[in-house]
Amino acid sequence: MSVATTGGDATAADEPPRRCGTTDVHVRLLEQDPGYRGARAALAQARSAVTARAAEEVVRIPVVVHVVSASPEDVTDEQVASQLAVLNADFRAANADVSSVPDVFAPLVADARVEFVLASTAPDGTPSSGTTRTTTDVAAFSTDDAVKSAATGGADPWPPAEHLNLWVCPLGGGLLGYAQFPGGPAATDGVVVNLTAFGTTGTASAPFDLGRTATHEVGHYLDLFHLWGELQASCEDTDEVDDTPNQRGPHRGRPEFPQVSCDNGPAGDLFMDYMDYVDDAAMVMFTAGQVTRMRAALAGVRAPLAAAGSRS
């Protein structure tokens, strides 16, 4: 067996790179928002106790998709439905391509027992499709959260404690998406996905046309870090999950197995995990440890979201 080694950040030369802006948002909030720093510290202290109480039943999360672009009608209901289908398959470990996980990592694959449903009622009590469409003259948004407010060319969120707000818009700077970790400001809570990486049809563009950008970002929204950690790409940082191998940095494209870093041979890095940077076709799994962390968020800081889903 040949073993590939990587310093982390292996990129296929003929494919565009995946870029997630969640770390940028995390660092900005840590620097500028004392409330966020305190909330994250409190979450870390409470996580073990919450994890022990995390329920085993399936949690349903109400989703509202805010399409914001010059031509929001280009993202059809069919495309929205395709993204929900991907989220539901990926978070239940029901995706067909999970069979591609190498045998050594197959025992780690886990069902998060989380499902997603479009909200059927708007905040004013009227029936809703769970999708809003807003025409904007903003050519490209960034991680500054402008897309999350009508005052800055975007769309206002629905009550974030009871909805996963998912904004779909043009993003600049090579961004595919970003999310806000639990504990951040309510007014900007949610997930943002580039028009070109949303769902599996319509405006979605290869190699990010299998809906996995939303899977990755919703992982962040439920408190998952990148596999290599959030503050530095090195063997000294961590994703705070015990069953993911220590990994130096991101992979891109479609790596060959194994990829070894941080003395984690012979199996190497878990680059086929949703929290790496590989192409959509190469990310296919969450681990049991990641599921435990997400369930802790749903039993703790995001408990109102889970409760709202049980009522829908």
C-alpha atoms as a PDB file:
ATOM      1  CA  MET A   1       0.000   0.000   0.000  1.00  0.00           C
ATOM      2  CA  SER A   2       1.418   3.383  -0.968  1.00  0.00           C
ATOM      3  CA  VAL A   3       0.950   6.126   1.606  1.00  0.00           C
ATOM      4  CA  ALA A   4       0.495   9.742   0.603  1.00  0.00           C
ATOM      5  CA  THR A   5       1.675  12.380   3.046  1.00  0.00           C
ATOM      6  CA  THR A   6       0.459  15.915   3.224  1.00  0.00           C
ATOM      7  CA  GLY A   7       1.199  19.104   5.065  1.00  0.00           C
ATOM      8  CA  GLY A   8      -2.524  19.804   4.946  1.00  0.00           C
ATOM      9  CA  ASP A   9      -4.136  21.816   2.143  1.00  0.00           C
ATOM     10  CA  ALA A  10      -3.540  19.511  -0.798  1.00  0.00           C
ATOM     11  CA  THR A  11      -5.271  21.078  -3.809  1.00  0.00           C
ATOM     12  CA  ALA A  12      -6.180  19.583  -7.169  1.00  0.00           C
ATOM     13  CA  ALA A  13      -4.698  22.004  -9.700  1.00  0.00           C
ATOM     14  CA  ASP A  14      -7.573  21.713 -12.151  1.00  0.00           C
ATOM     15  CA  GLU A  15     -10.395  22.334  -9.659  1.00  0.00           C
ATOM     16  CA  PRO A  16     -11.530  25.449  -7.798  1.00  0.00           C
ATOM     17  CA  PRO A  17     -10.814  25.357  -4.055  1.00  0.00           C
ATOM     18  CA  ARG A  18     -13.456  25.099  -1.366  1.00  0.00           C
ATOM     19  CA  ARG A  19     -13.425  28.068   1.009  1.00  0.00           C
ATOM     20  CA  CYS A  20     -15.516  28.254   4.166  1.00  0.00           C
ATOM     21  CA  GLY A  21     -15.791  31.590   5.978  1.00  0.00           C
ATOM     22  CA  THR A  22     -16.928  30.219   9.342  1.00  0.00           C
ATOM     23  CA  THR A  23     -13.496  30.633  10.935  1.00  0.00           C
ATOM     24  CA  ASP A  24     -13.423  34.280   9.796  1.00  0.00           C
ATOM     25  CA  VAL A  25     -16.756  34.900  11.527  1.00  0.00           C
ATOM     26  CA  HIS A  26     -15.657  32.999  14.637  1.00  0.00           C
ATOM     27  CA  VAL A  27     -12.449  35.021  14.992  1.00  0.00           C
ATOM     28  CA  ARG A  28     -14.254  38.320  14.354  1.00  0.00           C
ATOM     29  CA  LEU A  29     -16.837  37.599  17.027  1.00  0.00           C
ATOM     30  CA  LEU A  30     -14.176  36.457  19.502  1.00  0.00           C
ATOM     31  CA  GLU A  31     -12.338  39.743  18.973  1.00  0.00           C
ATOM     32  CA  GLN A  32     -15.326  42.102  18.901  1.00  0.00           C
ATOM     33  CA  ASP A  33     -18.105  40.549  20.970  1.00  0.00           C
ATOM     34  CA  PRO A  34     -17.439  39.857  24.684  1.00  0.00           C
ATOM     35  CA  GLY A  35     -20.863  38.205  24.895  1.00  0.00           C
ATOM     36  CA  TYR A  36     -19.830  35.678  22.255  1.00  0.00           C
ATOM     37  CA  ARG A  37     -16.598  34.886  24.090  1.00  0.00           C
ATOM     38  CA  GLY A  38     -18.553  34.308  27.265  1.00  0.00           C
ATOM     39  CA  ALA A  39     -21.206  32.205  25.543  1.00  0.00           C
ATOM     40  CA  ARG A  40     -18.615  29.964  23.911  1.00  0.00           C
ATOM     41  CA  ALA A  41     -16.827  29.472  27.225  1.00  0.00           C
ATOM     42  CA  ALA A  42     -20.110  28.593  28.931  1.00  0.00           C
ATOM     43  CA  LEU A  43     -20.954  26.131  26.163  1.00  0.00           C
ATOM     44  CA  ALA A  44     -17.644  24.366  26.617  1.00  0.00           C
ATOM     45  CA  GLN A  45     -18.198  24.028  30.364  1.00  0.00           C
ATOM     46  CA  ALA A  46     -21.745  22.725  29.971  1.00  0.00           C
ATOM     47  CA  ARG A  47     -21.190  20.409  27.024  1.00  0.00           C
ATOM     48  CA  SER A  48     -20.299  17.258  28.949  1.00  0.00           C
ATOM     49  CA  ALA A  49     -23.366  17.485  31.169  1.00  0.00           C
ATOM     50  CA  VAL A  50     -25.643  18.213  28.227  1.00  0.00           C
ATOM     51  CA  THR A  51     -24.150  15.375  26.217  1.00  0.00           C
ATOM     52  CA  ALA A  52     -25.110  12.877  28.899  1.00  0.00           C
ATOM     53  CA  ARG A  53     -28.725  14.006  28.581  1.00  0.00           C
ATOM     54  CA  ALA A  54     -28.802  14.216  24.770  1.00  0.00           C
ATOM     55  CA  ALA A  55     -31.926  12.485  23.464  1.00  0.00           C
ATOM     56  CA  GLU A  56     -31.808   9.589  21.039  1.00  0.00           C
ATOM     57  CA  GLU A  57     -35.007  10.388  19.165  1.00  0.00           C
ATOM     58  CA  VAL A  58     -34.920  12.019  15.743  1.00  0.00           C
ATOM     59  CA  VAL A  59     -34.830  15.821  15.929  1.00  0.00           C
ATOM     60  CA  ARG A  60     -36.642  17.759  13.195  1.00  0.00           C
ATOM     61  CA  ILE A  61     -35.271  21.213  12.393  1.00  0.00           C
ATOM     62  CA  PRO A  62     -37.546  23.815  10.748  1.00  0.00           C
ATOM     63  CA  VAL A  63     -35.701  25.546   7.894  1.00  0.00           C
ATOM     64  CA  VAL A  64     -36.395  28.785   6.071  1.00  0.00           C
ATOM     65  CA  VAL A  65     -34.429  29.391   2.876  1.00  0.00           C
ATOM     66  CA  HIS A  66     -33.869  33.057   2.002  1.00  0.00           C
ATOM     67  CA  VAL A  67     -32.842  33.404  -1.654  1.00  0.00           C
ATOM     68  CA  VAL A  68     -31.173  36.793  -2.188  1.00  0.00           C
ATOM     69  CA  SER A  69     -29.886  37.709  -5.639  1.00  0.00           C
ATOM     70  CA  ALA A  70     -30.483  39.838  -8.710  1.00  0.00           C
ATOM     71  CA  SER A  71     -32.725  37.045 -10.027  1.00  0.00           C
ATOM     72  CA  PRO A  72     -33.926  35.072  -6.999  1.00  0.00           C
ATOM     73  CA  GLU A  73     -36.424  33.142  -9.105  1.00  0.00           C
ATOM     74  CA  ASP A  74     -33.450  31.309 -10.646  1.00  0.00           C
ATOM     75  CA  VAL A  75     -33.299  29.203  -7.473  1.00  0.00           C
ATOM     76  CA  THR A  76     -36.452  27.163  -7.984  1.00  0.00           C
ATOM     77  CA  ASP A  77     -38.505  25.221  -5.469  1.00  0.00           C
ATOM     78  CA  GLU A  78     -37.037  22.086  -7.066  1.00  0.00           C
ATOM     79  CA  GLN A  79     -33.516  23.266  -6.259  1.00  0.00           C
ATOM     80  CA  VAL A  80     -34.507  24.064  -2.671  1.00  0.00           C
ATOM     81  CA  ALA A  81     -36.053  20.604  -2.351  1.00  0.00           C
ATOM     82  CA  SER A  82     -32.867  19.019  -3.688  1.00  0.00           C
ATOM     83  CA  GLN A  83     -30.840  20.669  -0.933  1.00  0.00           C
ATOM     84  CA  LEU A  84     -33.221  19.536   1.797  1.00  0.00           C
ATOM     85  CA  ALA A  85     -33.016  16.001   0.420  1.00  0.00           C
ATOM     86  CA  VAL A  86     -29.218  16.062   0.635  1.00  0.00           C
ATOM     87  CA  LEU A  87     -29.254  17.367   4.204  1.00  0.00           C
ATOM     88  CA  ASN A  88     -31.708  14.683   5.247  1.00  0.00           C
ATOM     89  CA  ALA A  89     -29.678  11.902   3.657  1.00  0.00           C
ATOM     90  CA  ASP A  90     -26.327  13.132   4.955  1.00  0.00           C
ATOM     91  CA  PHE A  91     -27.421  13.711   8.550  1.00  0.00           C
ATOM     92  CA  ARG A  92     -29.088  10.281   8.682  1.00  0.00           C
ATOM     93  CA  ALA A  93     -26.072   8.499   7.128  1.00  0.00           C
ATOM     94  CA  ALA A  94     -28.469   7.441   4.373  1.00  0.00           C
ATOM     95  CA  ASN A  95     -26.395   8.845   1.502  1.00  0.00           C
ATOM     96  CA  ALA A  96     -25.506   6.176  -1.037  1.00  0.00           C
ATOM     97  CA  ASP A  97     -21.859   7.260  -1.260  1.00  0.00           C
ATOM     98  CA  VAL A  98     -21.183   6.546   2.414  1.00  0.00           C
ATOM     99  CA  SER A  99     -20.224   3.094   1.140  1.00  0.00           C
ATOM    100  CA  SER A 100     -16.996   4.641  -0.189  1.00  0.00           C
ATOM    101  CA  VAL A 101     -15.607   5.133   3.344  1.00  0.00           C
ATOM    102  CA  PRO A 102     -12.408   3.069   3.755  1.00  0.00           C
ATOM    103  CA  ASP A 103     -12.904  -0.051   5.849  1.00  0.00           C
ATOM    104  CA  VAL A 104     -10.687   1.238   8.656  1.00  0.00           C
ATOM    105  CA  PHE A 105     -12.982   4.258   9.151  1.00  0.00           C
ATOM    106  CA  ALA A 106     -16.334   2.544   8.469  1.00  0.00           C
ATOM    107  CA  PRO A 107     -17.028   1.814  12.181  1.00  0.00           C
ATOM    108  CA  LEU A 108     -16.922   5.575  12.859  1.00  0.00           C
ATOM    109  CA  VAL A 109     -19.848   6.405  10.539  1.00  0.00           C
ATOM    110  CA  ALA A 110     -22.844   7.610  12.521  1.00  0.00           C
ATOM    111  CA  ASP A 111     -26.437   8.673  12.026  1.00  0.00           C
ATOM    112  CA  ALA A 112     -27.000  12.114  13.591  1.00  0.00           C
ATOM    113  CA  ARG A 113     -30.736  11.447  13.879  1.00  0.00           C
ATOM    114  CA  VAL A 114     -31.434  14.955  12.597  1.00  0.00           C
ATOM    115  CA  GLU A 115     -33.899  15.773   9.826  1.00  0.00           C
ATOM    116  CA  PHE A 116     -34.775  19.036   8.118  1.00  0.00           C
ATOM    117  CA  VAL A 117     -38.188  20.293   7.051  1.00  0.00           C
ATOM    118  CA  LEU A 118     -39.161  23.550   5.367  1.00  0.00           C
ATOM    119  CA  ALA A 119     -41.136  25.776   7.705  1.00  0.00           C
ATOM    120  CA  SER A 120     -44.830  25.703   6.873  1.00  0.00           C
ATOM    121  CA  THR A 121     -45.850  28.840   8.751  1.00  0.00           C
ATOM    122  CA  ALA A 122     -44.411  32.344   8.474  1.00  0.00           C
ATOM    123  CA  PRO A 123     -43.713  34.426  11.600  1.00  0.00           C
ATOM    124  CA  ASP A 124     -47.017  36.283  11.078  1.00  0.00           C
ATOM    125  CA  GLY A 125     -48.921  32.999  11.206  1.00  0.00           C
ATOM    126  CA  THR A 126     -49.699  32.736   7.492  1.00  0.00           C
ATOM    127  CA  PRO A 127     -48.997  29.556   5.492  1.00  0.00           C
ATOM    128  CA  SER A 128     -45.536  29.464   3.917  1.00  0.00           C
ATOM    129  CA  SER A 129     -43.493  27.391   1.507  1.00  0.00           C
ATOM    130  CA  GLY A 130     -40.480  27.873   3.758  1.00  0.00           C
ATOM    131  CA  THR A 131     -38.701  29.902   1.071  1.00  0.00           C
ATOM    132  CA  THR A 132     -38.406  33.672   0.674  1.00  0.00           C
ATOM    133  CA  ARG A 133     -37.024  35.429  -2.396  1.00  0.00           C
ATOM    134  CA  THR A 134     -35.467  38.891  -2.301  1.00  0.00           C
ATOM    135  CA  THR A 135     -34.192  40.875  -5.275  1.00  0.00           C
ATOM    136  CA  THR A 136     -30.986  42.755  -4.490  1.00  0.00           C
ATOM    137  CA  ASP A 137     -28.517  44.955  -6.334  1.00  0.00           C
ATOM    138  CA  VAL A 138     -25.603  43.631  -4.254  1.00  0.00           C
ATOM    139  CA  ALA A 139     -23.358  41.816  -6.722  1.00  0.00           C
ATOM    140  CA  ALA A 140     -21.615  39.643  -4.135  1.00  0.00           C
ATOM    141  CA  PHE A 141     -21.875  39.308  -0.363  1.00  0.00           C
ATOM    142  CA  SER A 142     -19.113  38.431   2.118  1.00  0.00           C
ATOM    143  CA  THR A 143     -18.805  37.235   5.718  1.00  0.00           C
ATOM    144  CA  ASP A 144     -19.891  40.624   7.092  1.00  0.00           C
ATOM    145  CA  ASP A 145     -23.491  39.328   7.439  1.00  0.00           C
ATOM    146  CA  ALA A 146     -25.005  41.989   5.139  1.00  0.00           C
ATOM    147  CA  VAL A 147     -27.094  39.277   3.479  1.00  0.00           C
ATOM    148  CA  LYS A 148     -28.885  38.739   6.793  1.00  0.00           C
ATOM    149  CA  SER A 149     -30.544  42.179   6.873  1.00  0.00           C
ATOM    150  CA  ALA A 150     -32.968  43.900   4.503  1.00  0.00           C
ATOM    151  CA  ALA A 151     -31.301  47.206   5.430  1.00  0.00           C
ATOM    152  CA  THR A 152     -28.062  46.077   3.743  1.00  0.00           C
ATOM    153  CA  GLY A 153     -29.509  44.421   0.656  1.00  0.00           C
ATOM    154  CA  GLY A 154     -30.326  41.056   2.165  1.00  0.00           C
ATOM    155  CA  ALA A 155     -33.283  39.434   3.920  1.00  0.00           C
ATOM    156  CA  ASP A 156     -34.183  39.626   7.597  1.00  0.00           C
ATOM    157  CA  PRO A 157     -34.146  36.307   9.490  1.00  0.00           C
ATOM    158  CA  TRP A 158     -37.173  34.543  10.833  1.00  0.00           C
ATOM    159  CA  PRO A 159     -37.011  33.992  14.629  1.00  0.00           C
ATOM    160  CA  PRO A 160     -33.636  32.222  14.900  1.00  0.00           C
ATOM    161  CA  ALA A 161     -34.385  30.279  18.063  1.00  0.00           C
ATOM    162  CA  GLU A 162     -37.124  28.422  16.180  1.00  0.00           C
ATOM    163  CA  HIS A 163     -35.735  28.277  12.625  1.00  0.00           C
ATOM    164  CA  LEU A 164     -32.539  27.401  10.850  1.00  0.00           C
ATOM    165  CA  ASN A 165     -32.217  30.490   8.643  1.00  0.00           C
ATOM    166  CA  LEU A 166     -30.370  29.503   5.474  1.00  0.00           C
ATOM    167  CA  TRP A 167     -29.440  32.352   3.129  1.00  0.00           C
ATOM    168  CA  VAL A 168     -28.606  31.551  -0.511  1.00  0.00           C
ATOM    169  CA  CYS A 169     -26.823  34.353  -2.341  1.00  0.00           C
ATOM    170  CA  PRO A 170     -23.840  35.241  -4.518  1.00  0.00           C
ATOM    171  CA  LEU A 171     -20.684  35.209  -2.399  1.00  0.00           C
ATOM    172  CA  GLY A 172     -17.403  36.844  -3.367  1.00  0.00           C
ATOM    173  CA  GLY A 173     -13.787  36.034  -2.571  1.00  0.00           C
ATOM    174  CA  GLY A 174     -14.070  32.363  -3.441  1.00  0.00           C
ATOM    175  CA  LEU A 175     -16.462  31.705  -0.554  1.00  0.00           C
ATOM    176  CA  LEU A 176     -18.758  28.709  -0.805  1.00  0.00           C
ATOM    177  CA  GLY A 177     -20.479  29.399   2.497  1.00  0.00           C
ATOM    178  CA  TYR A 178     -20.201  30.227   6.165  1.00  0.00           C
ATOM    179  CA  ALA A 179     -22.080  29.657   9.407  1.00  0.00           C
ATOM    180  CA  GLN A 180     -22.301  31.083  12.902  1.00  0.00           C
ATOM    181  CA  PHE A 181     -21.439  28.774  15.772  1.00  0.00           C
ATOM    182  CA  PRO A 182     -23.919  28.477  18.655  1.00  0.00           C
ATOM    183  CA  GLY A 183     -23.604  31.347  21.110  1.00  0.00           C
ATOM    184  CA  GLY A 184     -23.414  34.180  18.590  1.00  0.00           C
ATOM    185  CA  PRO A 185     -25.794  37.132  18.135  1.00  0.00           C
ATOM    186  CA  ALA A 186     -29.370  36.086  17.411  1.00  0.00           C
ATOM    187  CA  ALA A 187     -29.751  38.651  14.616  1.00  0.00           C
ATOM    188  CA  THR A 188     -27.071  36.919  12.518  1.00  0.00           C
ATOM    189  CA  ASP A 189     -27.594  33.291  13.531  1.00  0.00           C
ATOM    190  CA  GLY A 190     -27.764  30.834  10.649  1.00  0.00           C
ATOM    191  CA  VAL A 191     -26.030  29.543   7.534  1.00  0.00           C
ATOM    192  CA  VAL A 192     -25.070  31.207   4.244  1.00  0.00           C
ATOM    193  CA  VAL A 193     -24.441  29.243   1.022  1.00  0.00           C
ATOM    194  CA  ASN A 194     -23.259  30.483  -2.357  1.00  0.00           C
ATOM    195  CA  LEU A 195     -25.756  30.231  -5.215  1.00  0.00           C
ATOM    196  CA  THR A 196     -23.238  28.065  -7.063  1.00  0.00           C
ATOM    197  CA  ALA A 197     -22.998  25.521  -4.234  1.00  0.00           C
ATOM    198  CA  PHE A 198     -26.639  25.145  -3.224  1.00  0.00           C
ATOM    199  CA  GLY A 199     -28.515  21.938  -3.923  1.00  0.00           C
ATOM    200  CA  THR A 200     -27.931  19.609  -6.851  1.00  0.00           C
ATOM    201  CA  THR A 201     -29.565  21.402  -9.756  1.00  0.00           C
ATOM    202  CA  GLY A 202     -30.176  24.881 -11.180  1.00  0.00           C
ATOM    203  CA  THR A 203     -27.435  27.323 -10.171  1.00  0.00           C
ATOM    204  CA  ALA A 204     -25.236  24.643  -8.544  1.00  0.00           C
ATOM    205  CA  SER A 205     -21.892  24.203 -10.274  1.00  0.00           C
ATOM    206  CA  ALA A 206     -19.381  21.313 -10.188  1.00  0.00           C
ATOM    207  CA  PRO A 207     -17.447  20.233  -8.213  1.00  0.00           C
ATOM    208  CA  PHE A 208     -19.690  21.697  -5.486  1.00  0.00           C
ATOM    209  CA  ASP A 209     -23.036  20.622  -6.934  1.00  0.00           C
ATOM    210  CA  LEU A 210     -24.017  17.778  -4.604  1.00  0.00           C
ATOM    211  CA  GLY A 211     -25.332  19.952  -1.760  1.00  0.00           C
ATOM    212  CA  ARG A 212     -22.453  19.233   0.613  1.00  0.00           C
ATOM    213  CA  THR A 213     -21.597  22.885   1.283  1.00  0.00           C
ATOM    214  CA  ALA A 214     -24.848  23.171   3.248  1.00  0.00           C
ATOM    215  CA  THR A 215     -24.058  19.892   5.050  1.00  0.00           C
ATOM    216  CA  HIS A 216     -20.646  21.274   6.032  1.00  0.00           C
ATOM    217  CA  GLU A 217     -22.031  24.641   7.175  1.00  0.00           C
ATOM    218  CA  VAL A 218     -24.939  23.145   9.113  1.00  0.00           C
ATOM    219  CA  GLY A 219     -22.308  21.024  10.865  1.00  0.00           C
ATOM    220  CA  HIS A 220     -20.722  24.292  12.023  1.00  0.00           C
ATOM    221  CA  TYR A 221     -24.139  25.656  13.007  1.00  0.00           C
ATOM    222  CA  LEU A 222     -24.502  22.597  15.254  1.00  0.00           C
ATOM    223  CA  ASP A 223     -21.082  23.277  16.846  1.00  0.00           C
ATOM    224  CA  LEU A 224     -18.681  21.206  14.736  1.00  0.00           C
ATOM    225  CA  PHE A 225     -15.231  22.589  14.019  1.00  0.00           C
ATOM    226  CA  HIS A 226     -13.114  21.842  10.960  1.00  0.00           C
ATOM    227  CA  LEU A 227     -11.161  18.618  11.427  1.00  0.00           C
ATOM    228  CA  TRP A 228      -7.934  20.535  12.043  1.00  0.00           C
ATOM    229  CA  GLY A 229      -9.488  23.030  14.477  1.00  0.00           C
ATOM    230  CA  GLU A 230     -10.468  26.656  13.987  1.00  0.00           C
ATOM    231  CA  LEU A 231      -7.627  28.962  15.004  1.00  0.00           C
ATOM    232  CA  GLN A 232      -4.658  27.475  13.164  1.00  0.00           C
ATOM    233  CA  ALA A 233      -3.919  24.725  10.656  1.00  0.00           C
ATOM    234  CA  SER A 234      -1.396  22.707  12.651  1.00  0.00           C
ATOM    235  CA  CYS A 235      -1.041  19.522  14.636  1.00  0.00           C
ATOM    236  CA  GLU A 236      -1.385  21.569  17.833  1.00  0.00           C
ATOM    237  CA  ASP A 237      -5.000  22.643  17.196  1.00  0.00           C
ATOM    238  CA  THR A 238      -8.010  20.317  17.578  1.00  0.00           C
ATOM    239  CA  ASP A 239     -11.619  19.878  16.537  1.00  0.00           C
ATOM    240  CA  GLU A 240     -12.446  18.758  20.110  1.00  0.00           C
ATOM    241  CA  VAL A 241     -13.811  15.408  18.864  1.00  0.00           C
ATOM    242  CA  ASP A 242     -12.052  12.287  20.118  1.00  0.00           C
ATOM    243  CA  ASP A 243     -12.701   9.898  17.221  1.00  0.00           C
ATOM    244  CA  THR A 244     -11.432  12.114  14.379  1.00  0.00           C
ATOM    245  CA  PRO A 245      -7.694  11.649  13.756  1.00  0.00           C
ATOM    246  CA  ASN A 246      -5.486  14.632  14.535  1.00  0.00           C
ATOM    247  CA  GLN A 247      -5.040  16.409  11.179  1.00  0.00           C
ATOM    248  CA  ARG A 248      -2.627  19.152  10.128  1.00  0.00           C
ATOM    249  CA  GLY A 249      -4.934  21.046   7.780  1.00  0.00           C
ATOM    250  CA  PRO A 250      -7.530  20.847   5.009  1.00  0.00           C
ATOM    251  CA  HIS A 251      -7.604  18.638   1.935  1.00  0.00           C
ATOM    252  CA  ARG A 252      -9.078  19.721  -1.374  1.00  0.00           C
ATOM    253  CA  GLY A 253     -10.214  18.033  -4.555  1.00  0.00           C
ATOM    254  CA  ARG A 254     -10.515  14.241  -4.372  1.00  0.00           C
ATOM    255  CA  PRO A 255      -7.551  12.877  -2.392  1.00  0.00           C
ATOM    256  CA  GLU A 256      -6.360   9.311  -2.615  1.00  0.00           C
ATOM    257  CA  PHE A 257      -6.488   7.221   0.553  1.00  0.00           C
ATOM    258  CA  PRO A 258      -4.518   7.362   2.775  1.00  0.00           C
ATOM    259  CA  GLN A 259      -3.308  10.893   3.494  1.00  0.00           C
ATOM    260  CA  VAL A 260      -1.022  10.929   6.530  1.00  0.00           C
ATOM    261  CA  SER A 261      -0.253  13.919   8.755  1.00  0.00           C
ATOM    262  CA  CYS A 262       0.400  14.542  12.456  1.00  0.00           C
ATOM    263  CA  ASP A 263       1.863  11.023  12.868  1.00  0.00           C
ATOM    264  CA  ASN A 264      -1.585   9.516  12.328  1.00  0.00           C
ATOM    265  CA  GLY A 265      -0.588   6.673   9.996  1.00  0.00           C
ATOM    266  CA  PRO A 266      -1.269   4.216   8.605  1.00  0.00           C
ATOM    267  CA  ALA A 267      -4.907   5.261   8.068  1.00  0.00           C
ATOM    268  CA  GLY A 268      -4.133   8.972   8.150  1.00  0.00           C
ATOM    269  CA  ASP A 269      -6.578  11.849   7.890  1.00  0.00           C
ATOM    270  CA  LEU A 270     -10.358  11.482   7.781  1.00  0.00           C
ATOM    271  CA  PHE A 271     -10.567  13.638   4.662  1.00  0.00           C
ATOM    272  CA  MET A 272     -13.853  12.039   3.558  1.00  0.00           C
ATOM    273  CA  ASP A 273     -15.590  13.683   6.520  1.00  0.00           C
ATOM    274  CA  TYR A 274     -18.074  16.516   5.889  1.00  0.00           C
ATOM    275  CA  MET A 275     -15.922  18.897   7.932  1.00  0.00           C
ATOM    276  CA  ASP A 276     -12.950  18.823   5.564  1.00  0.00           C
ATOM    277  CA  TYR A 277     -12.587  20.955   2.386  1.00  0.00           C
ATOM    278  CA  VAL A 278     -12.721  18.205  -0.257  1.00  0.00           C
ATOM    279  CA  ASP A 279     -15.056  18.228  -3.273  1.00  0.00           C
ATOM    280  CA  ASP A 280     -18.693  17.371  -2.700  1.00  0.00           C
ATOM    281  CA  ALA A 281     -18.200  13.913  -4.199  1.00  0.00           C
ATOM    282  CA  ALA A 282     -15.418  13.127  -1.698  1.00  0.00           C
ATOM    283  CA  MET A 283     -17.129  14.096   1.609  1.00  0.00           C
ATOM    284  CA  VAL A 284     -19.537  11.424   2.784  1.00  0.00           C
ATOM    285  CA  MET A 285     -19.703  11.019   6.589  1.00  0.00           C
ATOM    286  CA  PHE A 286     -19.959  12.278  10.155  1.00  0.00           C
ATOM    287  CA  THR A 287     -18.397  10.328  13.025  1.00  0.00           C
ATOM    288  CA  ALA A 288     -20.051   9.168  16.227  1.00  0.00           C
ATOM    289  CA  GLY A 289     -18.063  11.752  18.165  1.00  0.00           C
ATOM    290  CA  GLN A 290     -19.239  14.524  15.890  1.00  0.00           C
ATOM    291  CA  VAL A 291     -22.823  13.317  16.284  1.00  0.00           C
ATOM    292  CA  THR A 292     -22.473  13.437  20.066  1.00  0.00           C
ATOM    293  CA  ARG A 293     -21.261  17.033  19.860  1.00  0.00           C
ATOM    294  CA  MET A 294     -24.118  18.069  17.566  1.00  0.00           C
ATOM    295  CA  ARG A 295     -26.688  16.331  19.758  1.00  0.00           C
ATOM    296  CA  ALA A 296     -25.261  18.182  22.757  1.00  0.00           C
ATOM    297  CA  ALA A 297     -25.902  21.476  20.963  1.00  0.00           C
ATOM    298  CA  LEU A 298     -29.466  20.397  20.187  1.00  0.00           C
ATOM    299  CA  ALA A 299     -30.057  19.357  23.792  1.00  0.00           C
ATOM    300  CA  GLY A 300     -28.484  22.558  25.096  1.00  0.00           C
ATOM    301  CA  VAL A 301     -28.074  25.915  23.417  1.00  0.00           C
ATOM    302  CA  ARG A 302     -30.176  24.899  20.398  1.00  0.00           C
ATOM    303  CA  ALA A 303     -32.892  23.140  22.405  1.00  0.00           C
ATOM    304  CA  PRO A 304     -35.542  25.726  21.371  1.00  0.00           C
ATOM    305  CA  LEU A 305     -34.866  24.804  17.745  1.00  0.00           C
ATOM    306  CA  ALA A 306     -35.415  21.118  18.476  1.00  0.00           C
ATOM    307  CA  ALA A 307     -38.581  21.965  20.407  1.00  0.00           C
ATOM    308  CA  ALA A 308     -39.906  24.015  17.488  1.00  0.00           C
ATOM    309  CA  GLY A 309     -39.312  21.070  15.186  1.00  0.00           C
ATOM    310  CA  SER A 310     -41.288  18.768  17.427  1.00  0.00           C
ATOM    311  CA  ARG A 311     -44.267  21.094  17.082  1.00  0.00           C
ATOM    312  CA  SER A 312     -44.080  21.398  13.289  1.00  0.00           C
END
